[in-house]
Amino acid sequence: MRLKTFDCIALTITIIGAVNWGLIGFFNFNLVSFLFGSMSWLSRIIYALVGLCGLYLITFYTSNGNTDASGQS
């Protein structure tokens, strides 16, 4: 069984990373660099956490395969 709290934290961090990439793509504005400095140790930790959470969320694809088309187990 998954840890619900950990899943929510990982999803939140990944969404923050996605919003940052959206800001970079649309407005050429990097929010992480703005808040924490360009490639400071803190911004590097944030980027690493976003990457690790994204890799963790890949496992959601395998867990979603346990239901049929009607959404029942």
C-alpha atoms as a PDB file:
ATOM      1  CA  MET A   1       0.000   0.000   0.000  1.00  0.00           C
ATOM      2  CA  ARG A   2       1.277   3.448  -0.897  1.00  0.00           C
ATOM      3  CA  LEU A   3       2.005   6.139   1.625  1.00  0.00           C
ATOM      4  CA  LYS A   4      -0.726   8.682   0.870  1.00  0.00           C
ATOM      5  CA  THR A   5       1.124  11.609   2.474  1.00  0.00           C
ATOM      6  CA  PHE A   6       4.337  10.867   0.569  1.00  0.00           C
ATOM      7  CA  ASP A   7       2.365  10.603  -2.689  1.00  0.00           C
ATOM      8  CA  CYS A   8       0.788  14.009  -2.086  1.00  0.00           C
ATOM      9  CA  ILE A   9       4.148  15.603  -1.281  1.00  0.00           C
ATOM     10  CA  ALA A  10       5.752  14.106  -4.382  1.00  0.00           C
ATOM     11  CA  LEU A  11       2.860  15.261  -6.552  1.00  0.00           C
ATOM     12  CA  THR A  12       2.987  18.787  -5.093  1.00  0.00           C
ATOM     13  CA  ILE A  13       6.745  19.105  -5.672  1.00  0.00           C
ATOM     14  CA  THR A  14       6.357  17.832  -9.238  1.00  0.00           C
ATOM     15  CA  ILE A  15       3.549  20.325  -9.916  1.00  0.00           C
ATOM     16  CA  ILE A  16       5.753  23.153  -8.615  1.00  0.00           C
ATOM     17  CA  GLY A  17       8.462  21.986 -11.024  1.00  0.00           C
ATOM     18  CA  ALA A  18       5.976  21.876 -13.892  1.00  0.00           C
ATOM     19  CA  VAL A  19       4.781  25.413 -13.128  1.00  0.00           C
ATOM     20  CA  ASN A  20       8.404  26.576 -13.078  1.00  0.00           C
ATOM     21  CA  TRP A  21       9.001  24.978 -16.500  1.00  0.00           C
ATOM     22  CA  GLY A  22       5.823  26.639 -17.770  1.00  0.00           C
ATOM     23  CA  LEU A  23       7.085  30.017 -16.588  1.00  0.00           C
ATOM     24  CA  ILE A  24      10.397  29.379 -18.328  1.00  0.00           C
ATOM     25  CA  GLY A  25       8.679  28.350 -21.553  1.00  0.00           C
ATOM     26  CA  PHE A  26       6.091  31.129 -21.711  1.00  0.00           C
ATOM     27  CA  PHE A  27       7.866  34.052 -20.086  1.00  0.00           C
ATOM     28  CA  ASN A  28      11.580  33.082 -19.917  1.00  0.00           C
ATOM     29  CA  PHE A  29      11.301  33.491 -16.127  1.00  0.00           C
ATOM     30  CA  ASN A  30      12.864  30.919 -13.793  1.00  0.00           C
ATOM     31  CA  LEU A  31      11.086  31.209 -10.440  1.00  0.00           C
ATOM     32  CA  VAL A  32      13.527  28.919  -8.607  1.00  0.00           C
ATOM     33  CA  SER A  33      16.535  30.958  -9.757  1.00  0.00           C
ATOM     34  CA  PHE A  34      14.697  34.160  -8.892  1.00  0.00           C
ATOM     35  CA  LEU A  35      13.931  33.010  -5.351  1.00  0.00           C
ATOM     36  CA  PHE A  36      17.087  31.057  -4.495  1.00  0.00           C
ATOM     37  CA  GLY A  37      19.785  32.241  -6.895  1.00  0.00           C
ATOM     38  CA  SER A  38      21.069  30.859 -10.158  1.00  0.00           C
ATOM     39  CA  MET A  39      22.320  27.316  -9.452  1.00  0.00           C
ATOM     40  CA  SER A  40      22.928  27.971  -5.761  1.00  0.00           C
ATOM     41  CA  TRP A  41      23.125  24.887  -3.560  1.00  0.00           C
ATOM     42  CA  LEU A  42      19.499  25.419  -2.509  1.00  0.00           C
ATOM     43  CA  SER A  43      18.202  25.704  -6.068  1.00  0.00           C
ATOM     44  CA  ARG A  44      20.165  22.573  -7.037  1.00  0.00           C
ATOM     45  CA  ILE A  45      18.500  20.690  -4.172  1.00  0.00           C
ATOM     46  CA  ILE A  46      15.081  21.868  -5.372  1.00  0.00           C
ATOM     47  CA  TYR A  47      15.808  20.742  -8.941  1.00  0.00           C
ATOM     48  CA  ALA A  48      17.038  17.375  -7.632  1.00  0.00           C
ATOM     49  CA  LEU A  49      13.888  16.913  -5.521  1.00  0.00           C
ATOM     50  CA  VAL A  50      11.654  17.715  -8.492  1.00  0.00           C
ATOM     51  CA  GLY A  51      13.539  15.170 -10.597  1.00  0.00           C
ATOM     52  CA  LEU A  52      13.352  12.466  -7.931  1.00  0.00           C
ATOM     53  CA  CYS A  53       9.652  13.082  -7.382  1.00  0.00           C
ATOM     54  CA  GLY A  54       9.049  12.872 -11.122  1.00  0.00           C
ATOM     55  CA  LEU A  55      10.828   9.528 -11.245  1.00  0.00           C
ATOM     56  CA  TYR A  56       8.808   8.311  -8.272  1.00  0.00           C
ATOM     57  CA  LEU A  57       5.544   9.343  -9.934  1.00  0.00           C
ATOM     58  CA  ILE A  58       6.371   7.115 -12.912  1.00  0.00           C
ATOM     59  CA  THR A  59       5.401   4.228 -10.616  1.00  0.00           C
ATOM     60  CA  PHE A  60       1.819   5.528 -10.685  1.00  0.00           C
ATOM     61  CA  TYR A  61       1.494   4.085 -14.201  1.00  0.00           C
ATOM     62  CA  THR A  62       2.007   0.563 -12.914  1.00  0.00           C
ATOM     63  CA  SER A  63      -0.379   1.009  -9.983  1.00  0.00           C
ATOM     64  CA  ASN A  64      -3.127   2.335 -12.276  1.00  0.00           C
ATOM     65  CA  GLY A  65      -3.056  -0.918 -14.239  1.00  0.00           C
ATOM     66  CA  ASN A  66      -4.886  -2.717 -11.409  1.00  0.00           C
ATOM     67  CA  THR A  67      -8.356  -1.455 -12.419  1.00  0.00           C
ATOM     68  CA  ASP A  68     -10.520  -2.348 -15.387  1.00  0.00           C
ATOM     69  CA  ALA A  69     -12.229   0.129 -17.744  1.00  0.00           C
ATOM     70  CA  SER A  70     -15.110   0.730 -15.302  1.00  0.00           C
ATOM     71  CA  GLY A  71     -12.664   1.810 -12.581  1.00  0.00           C
ATOM     72  CA  GLN A  72     -13.374  -1.189 -10.363  1.00  0.00           C
ATOM     73  CA  SER A  73     -10.731  -3.534  -9.000  1.00  0.00           C
END
